[in-house]
Protein backbone atom coordinates (compact mmCIF):
# COMPACT_ATOMS: atom_id res chain seq x y z
CA MET A 1 133.43 104.85 118.23
CA THR A 2 131.69 107.88 119.42
CA TRP A 3 128.25 107.95 121.22
CA ALA A 4 126.80 109.71 117.99
CA GLU A 5 128.05 107.02 115.80
CA PHE A 6 126.93 104.27 118.07
CA LYS A 7 123.43 105.97 118.23
CA GLN A 8 123.29 106.42 114.48
CA LYS A 9 124.28 102.76 113.76
CA TRP A 10 121.83 101.39 116.24
CA SER A 11 119.06 103.91 115.77
CA ARG A 12 117.35 101.54 113.21
CA TYR A 13 117.05 98.88 115.95
CA GLN A 14 115.45 101.28 118.35
CA GLY A 15 111.90 100.54 119.50
CA LYS A 16 109.09 102.97 119.54
CA GLU A 17 110.96 105.63 121.62
CA ALA A 18 114.63 106.61 121.45
CA CYS A 19 116.63 105.20 124.30
CA ASP A 20 118.30 108.58 125.44
CA PHE A 21 119.48 108.84 129.03
CA THR A 22 122.51 110.35 130.85
CA ASN A 23 125.06 108.76 133.27
CA ASP A 24 122.98 110.06 136.08
CA HIS A 25 120.07 107.87 135.05
CA ILE A 26 122.03 104.70 133.80
CA ASP A 27 120.93 102.78 136.85
CA ARG A 28 117.26 102.96 136.02
CA PRO A 29 115.94 99.45 135.13
CA GLU A 30 114.73 100.39 131.49
CA ASN A 31 117.90 102.03 130.71
CA LEU A 32 119.93 99.10 131.92
CA ARG A 33 117.87 96.83 130.08
CA ASN A 34 118.17 98.89 126.72
CA LEU A 35 121.98 99.18 127.26
CA ARG A 36 122.37 95.45 127.89
CA ALA A 37 120.17 94.67 124.95
CA ALA A 38 122.46 96.96 122.81
CA PHE A 39 125.39 94.65 123.33
CA GLU A 40 123.97 91.47 124.07
CA ASN A 41 120.75 91.20 122.23
CA PRO A 42 120.04 94.10 119.59
CA GLU A 43 117.13 92.34 118.12
CA PHE A 44 115.36 93.10 121.55
CA LEU A 45 115.51 96.78 120.47
CA LYS A 46 114.44 96.35 116.92
CA PRO A 47 110.75 97.29 116.37
CA HIS A 48 108.25 94.46 115.83
CA ARG A 49 107.56 96.06 112.55
CA THR A 50 109.86 98.21 110.54
CA THR A 51 108.82 101.62 109.03
CA ALA A 52 108.65 99.97 105.72
CA GLU A 53 106.36 97.29 106.88
CA PHE A 54 104.22 99.77 108.73
CA THR A 55 103.90 102.12 105.62
CA LYS A 56 103.07 98.96 103.52
CA LYS A 57 100.31 98.06 105.86
CA LEU A 58 98.92 101.55 106.13
CA ALA A 59 99.03 101.68 102.31
CA GLU A 60 97.09 98.48 102.00
CA LYS A 61 94.52 99.80 104.48
CA PHE A 62 94.13 103.15 102.53
CA ALA A 63 93.94 101.15 99.31
CA GLU A 64 91.28 98.86 100.84
CA VAL A 65 89.22 101.96 101.95
CA ALA A 66 89.61 103.61 98.57
CA ARG A 67 88.52 100.53 96.76
CA SER A 68 85.48 100.18 99.12
CA LEU A 69 84.53 103.89 98.44
CA HIS A 70 85.16 103.48 94.83
CA ARG A 71 82.72 100.53 94.69
CA ARG A 72 80.08 102.33 96.66
CA GLU A 73 80.29 105.58 94.38
CA SER A 74 80.52 103.43 91.27
CA ALA A 75 77.17 101.98 92.30
CA GLU A 76 75.83 105.28 93.14
CA LEU A 77 77.04 106.57 89.67
CA ALA A 78 75.52 103.54 87.84
CA ASP A 79 72.23 104.24 89.87
CA ALA A 80 72.15 107.92 88.84
CA LEU A 81 69.18 108.83 86.80
CA THR A 82 69.84 112.42 86.07
CA ARG A 83 72.88 114.74 85.22
CA ALA A 84 72.31 116.27 88.67
CA GLU A 85 72.53 112.90 90.38
CA VAL A 86 75.71 112.03 88.26
CA ASN A 87 77.35 115.41 89.30
CA VAL A 88 76.65 114.79 93.03
CA ALA A 89 78.16 111.38 92.86
CA GLN A 90 81.20 112.78 91.16
CA ARG A 91 81.69 115.51 93.69
CA LYS A 92 81.30 113.06 96.42
CA SER A 93 84.28 110.83 94.86
CA LEU A 94 86.34 113.89 94.48
CA ARG A 95 85.76 114.82 98.28
CA ILE A 96 86.69 111.31 99.26
CA ALA A 97 89.74 111.25 97.23
CA ARG A 98 90.80 114.70 98.64
CA PHE A 99 90.30 113.52 102.16
CA LEU A 100 92.27 110.39 101.60
CA ASN A 101 95.23 112.52 100.21
CA ARG A 102 95.07 114.75 103.29
CA LEU A 103 95.43 111.82 105.54
CA ILE A 104 98.29 110.29 103.72
CA PHE A 105 99.93 113.70 103.47
CA CYS A 106 99.74 114.17 107.32
CA PHE A 107 101.35 110.87 107.94
CA PHE A 108 104.24 112.08 105.44
CA ALA A 109 104.20 115.53 107.15
CA GLU A 110 104.52 113.73 110.63
CA ASP A 111 107.38 111.40 109.47
CA THR A 112 109.35 114.28 107.88
CA ALA A 113 108.88 116.50 110.77
CA LEU A 114 106.68 119.03 108.91
CA LEU A 115 104.16 118.34 111.54
CA PRO A 116 105.07 118.13 115.36
CA ARG A 117 106.27 114.62 116.31
CA LYS A 118 103.44 112.07 116.66
CA LEU A 119 100.79 114.70 116.41
CA PHE A 120 98.79 113.07 113.72
CA SER A 121 99.32 109.38 114.66
CA GLU A 122 98.14 110.23 118.41
CA LEU A 123 95.25 112.23 117.09
CA ALA A 124 94.19 109.32 114.95
CA ARG A 125 94.84 106.77 117.89
CA THR A 126 92.87 108.54 120.44
CA ALA A 127 89.95 109.60 118.25
CA LEU A 128 89.69 106.08 116.81
CA ASP A 129 86.72 104.91 118.81
CA ASP A 130 84.80 108.16 118.29
CA PRO A 131 84.38 109.13 114.55
CA HIS A 132 82.62 112.39 115.32
CA HIS A 133 85.47 113.56 117.57
CA LEU A 134 87.99 112.40 114.81
CA SER A 135 86.10 114.53 112.31
CA GLN A 136 86.22 117.51 114.45
CA ALA A 137 89.78 117.14 115.21
CA LEU A 138 90.81 116.66 111.76
CA GLU A 139 88.66 119.65 110.64
CA LEU A 140 90.77 121.72 113.18
CA LEU A 141 94.18 120.39 111.95
CA PHE A 142 93.37 120.64 108.32
CA ARG A 143 92.31 124.26 108.83
CA ALA A 144 95.42 125.11 110.85
CA MET A 145 97.44 123.51 108.01
CA ALA A 146 95.69 125.59 105.47
CA THR A 147 96.40 128.87 107.24
CA GLY A 148 99.02 128.22 109.64
CA GLY A 149 98.44 128.63 113.44
CA LEU A 150 97.72 126.61 116.58
CA PHE A 151 96.34 123.26 116.94
CA GLY A 152 96.05 122.74 120.64
CA ALA A 153 99.37 123.54 122.01
CA HIS A 154 101.23 122.96 118.87
CA LYS A 155 102.26 125.56 116.18
CA ILE A 156 101.45 124.38 112.77
CA CYS A 157 103.13 125.96 109.60
CA ARG A 158 100.93 126.88 106.73
CA PHE A 159 101.05 124.36 103.89
CA ASN A 160 100.95 125.99 100.65
CA GLY A 161 98.82 124.65 97.78
CA HIS A 162 95.14 123.69 97.48
CA LEU A 163 95.03 120.34 99.39
CA PHE A 164 93.84 121.92 102.82
CA ARG A 165 92.15 125.02 101.45
CA ALA A 166 88.57 123.68 101.27
CA PRO A 167 86.91 122.78 104.45
CA MET A 168 86.05 119.09 105.36
CA ALA A 169 82.22 119.95 105.83
CA GLY A 170 81.53 118.27 102.59
CA MET A 171 82.85 114.96 104.01
CA ARG A 172 80.13 114.86 106.53
CA ARG A 173 77.48 115.24 103.84
CA ALA A 174 79.27 112.80 101.61
CA ARG A 175 79.00 109.96 104.16
CA GLY A 176 75.27 110.46 104.39
């Protein structure tokens, strides 16, 4: 068995990061631990949650958010007294749906290497405690995805279609 075959066979058991190293670094404790585990206890290297489990949990969270927003918007629609209020409530619903679609697409784009590795998940993780920062960062990322260009030090390809064309500014107003 070649190293490539071994790596392909055991890649599903790798943890958060790939365990790549050269012979020069084999004596490092983390490399010895991973190498020993590959032969003696491969379950040690298996992620605590598989990609499918993570995706399912994420989809459940998105569905929960969507249901919550739908309930809120349904109440707003039911309370609308004029056609103008109905139109405003419907536009908010569409902006929310577009925003959720953008988030889901970003996870997909990251998983399929259309976006740089871990760019979106790290962005979400670091900005989780600061919604204003997250909003600003997402606005910049979505703009880069709409036109192509730089996002921080990362070159972002242009994504064709309409998903990222409109700015997110409407989302800030929709939350109000």
